[in-house]
Amino acid sequence: MVSVPRAITHCPRCGERVTPYAAGCAVCGADIEAARRELATSRTVALRRPGVPRLTVGEDGLRLAIALLLAMAAPLFGLLFACWMAWQAHGENRSGTRNLMLAIAVIAAIPLVTGVSLWGRFVLGL
């Protein structure tokens, strides 16, 4: 939602009437532009819902989700993708992301090594 700054019709300091385009009060010299900016920022803060955290998924979160989905749906591609992402994260010195990608690679390797797929049991009832 975009907030449109409301026109200030009276000076916040002395109460004298000012035009909507005035940069300052002609009587006391108060900065009307600063009052408009303050009013706009207070409105944007008021528009946000307090207590509701915003969920943001960064690049690493998106990569982890894709790797996990690939590991479950197509284990070979999931293994390759997770190993490639782990190698890339290792090169960028991000050990947490590297370790999570290696864990996903292990999850993707389990059906390849054992021959038992989680999807086979779920879909085919095996």
Protein backbone atom coordinates (compact mmCIF):
# COMPACT_ATOMS: atom_id res chain seq x y z
CA MET A 1 0.00 0.00 0.00
CA VAL A 2 1.46 3.34 -1.02
CA SER A 3 0.88 6.25 1.28
CA VAL A 4 0.46 9.68 -0.23
CA PRO A 5 1.81 12.46 1.97
CA ARG A 6 -1.04 14.48 3.35
CA ALA A 7 -0.96 18.19 2.77
CA ILE A 8 -0.22 20.14 5.92
CA THR A 9 -2.58 23.11 6.08
CA HIS A 10 -1.44 24.60 9.41
CA CYS A 11 2.03 25.20 10.82
CA PRO A 12 2.89 22.57 13.45
CA ARG A 13 4.69 25.20 15.58
CA CYS A 14 2.48 28.30 15.53
CA GLY A 15 -0.76 27.01 13.97
CA GLU A 16 -0.81 29.63 11.19
CA ARG A 17 -2.42 28.57 7.92
CA VAL A 18 0.10 27.57 5.19
CA THR A 19 -0.32 26.63 1.53
CA PRO A 20 0.03 22.96 0.56
CA TYR A 21 3.22 23.72 -1.36
CA ALA A 22 4.96 25.84 1.30
CA ALA A 23 8.47 24.78 2.32
CA GLY A 24 8.34 26.78 5.53
CA CYS A 25 6.02 28.87 7.67
CA ALA A 26 5.95 32.57 6.74
CA VAL A 27 5.23 33.63 10.34
CA CYS A 28 7.57 31.56 12.54
CA GLY A 29 9.87 29.98 9.93
CA ALA A 30 9.16 26.34 10.90
CA ASP A 31 10.30 23.72 8.40
CA ILE A 32 7.08 22.41 6.81
CA GLU A 33 8.93 19.94 4.55
CA ALA A 34 10.41 18.21 7.60
CA ALA A 35 6.95 18.01 9.16
CA ARG A 36 5.61 16.41 5.97
CA ARG A 37 8.42 13.83 5.95
CA GLU A 38 7.83 13.05 9.61
CA LEU A 39 4.11 12.64 8.98
CA ALA A 40 4.76 10.31 6.03
CA THR A 41 7.17 8.12 8.00
CA SER A 42 4.81 7.92 10.98
CA ARG A 43 2.03 6.78 8.65
CA THR A 44 4.14 4.07 7.04
CA VAL A 45 5.09 2.81 10.49
CA ALA A 46 1.43 2.84 11.51
CA LEU A 47 0.47 0.86 8.39
CA ARG A 48 2.70 -2.05 9.38
CA ARG A 49 1.08 -4.68 11.55
CA PRO A 50 2.84 -4.89 14.88
CA GLY A 51 3.76 -8.36 16.04
CA VAL A 52 3.59 -10.00 12.61
CA PRO A 53 7.12 -10.89 11.50
CA ARG A 54 7.91 -10.75 7.83
CA LEU A 55 9.10 -14.03 6.37
CA THR A 56 11.93 -13.52 3.96
CA VAL A 57 13.65 -16.32 2.13
CA GLY A 58 17.12 -15.36 1.03
CA GLU A 59 19.16 -16.94 -1.70
CA ASP A 60 20.46 -19.67 0.61
CA GLY A 61 16.97 -20.58 1.78
CA LEU A 62 15.74 -20.84 -1.78
CA ARG A 63 18.72 -23.00 -2.77
CA LEU A 64 18.17 -25.26 0.22
CA ALA A 65 14.48 -25.68 -0.63
CA ILE A 66 15.27 -26.51 -4.27
CA ALA A 67 17.98 -28.97 -3.24
CA LEU A 68 15.66 -30.69 -0.76
CA LEU A 69 12.84 -30.95 -3.30
CA LEU A 70 15.22 -32.36 -5.90
CA ALA A 71 16.67 -34.81 -3.37
CA MET A 72 13.20 -36.15 -2.60
CA ALA A 73 11.75 -36.13 -6.12
CA ALA A 74 14.81 -36.92 -8.28
CA PRO A 75 17.63 -38.19 -6.04
CA LEU A 76 20.33 -38.20 -8.72
CA PHE A 77 19.70 -34.58 -9.68
CA GLY A 78 19.28 -33.65 -6.02
CA LEU A 79 22.65 -35.23 -5.21
CA LEU A 80 24.37 -33.40 -8.05
CA PHE A 81 22.73 -30.07 -7.24
CA ALA A 82 23.42 -30.32 -3.49
CA CYS A 83 27.07 -31.26 -4.06
CA TRP A 84 27.54 -28.40 -6.53
CA MET A 85 25.94 -25.92 -4.11
CA ALA A 86 28.07 -27.28 -1.23
CA TRP A 87 31.19 -26.80 -3.34
CA GLN A 88 30.13 -23.25 -4.20
CA ALA A 89 29.36 -22.42 -0.55
CA HIS A 90 32.72 -23.85 0.50
CA GLY A 91 34.46 -21.56 -1.98
CA GLU A 92 32.63 -18.58 -0.45
CA ASN A 93 33.52 -19.60 3.13
CA ARG A 94 29.91 -20.25 4.20
CA SER A 95 30.30 -23.37 6.30
CA GLY A 96 26.71 -23.50 7.57
CA THR A 97 25.24 -23.56 4.08
CA ARG A 98 27.90 -26.04 2.96
CA ASN A 99 27.06 -28.42 5.80
CA LEU A 100 23.32 -28.24 5.13
CA MET A 101 23.89 -28.95 1.44
CA LEU A 102 26.07 -31.94 2.32
CA ALA A 103 23.31 -33.24 4.58
CA ILE A 104 20.84 -32.89 1.70
CA ALA A 105 23.32 -34.73 -0.54
CA VAL A 106 23.35 -37.61 1.96
CA ILE A 107 19.54 -37.64 1.97
CA ALA A 108 19.58 -37.78 -1.84
CA ALA A 109 22.19 -40.57 -1.84
CA ILE A 110 20.21 -42.91 0.45
CA PRO A 111 17.68 -44.02 -2.22
CA LEU A 112 20.46 -44.33 -4.79
CA VAL A 113 22.55 -46.60 -2.54
CA THR A 114 19.77 -48.70 -1.01
CA GLY A 115 17.44 -48.83 -4.00
CA VAL A 116 14.47 -48.02 -1.78
CA SER A 117 12.68 -44.81 -2.67
CA LEU A 118 10.42 -42.97 -0.30
CA TRP A 119 8.22 -42.01 -3.25
CA GLY A 120 7.87 -45.63 -4.32
CA ARG A 121 6.33 -46.50 -0.98
CA PHE A 122 4.13 -43.44 -0.99
CA VAL A 123 2.90 -43.54 -4.59
CA LEU A 124 2.96 -47.24 -5.43
CA GLY A 125 2.28 -48.59 -1.95
CA LEU A 126 5.42 -50.77 -1.96
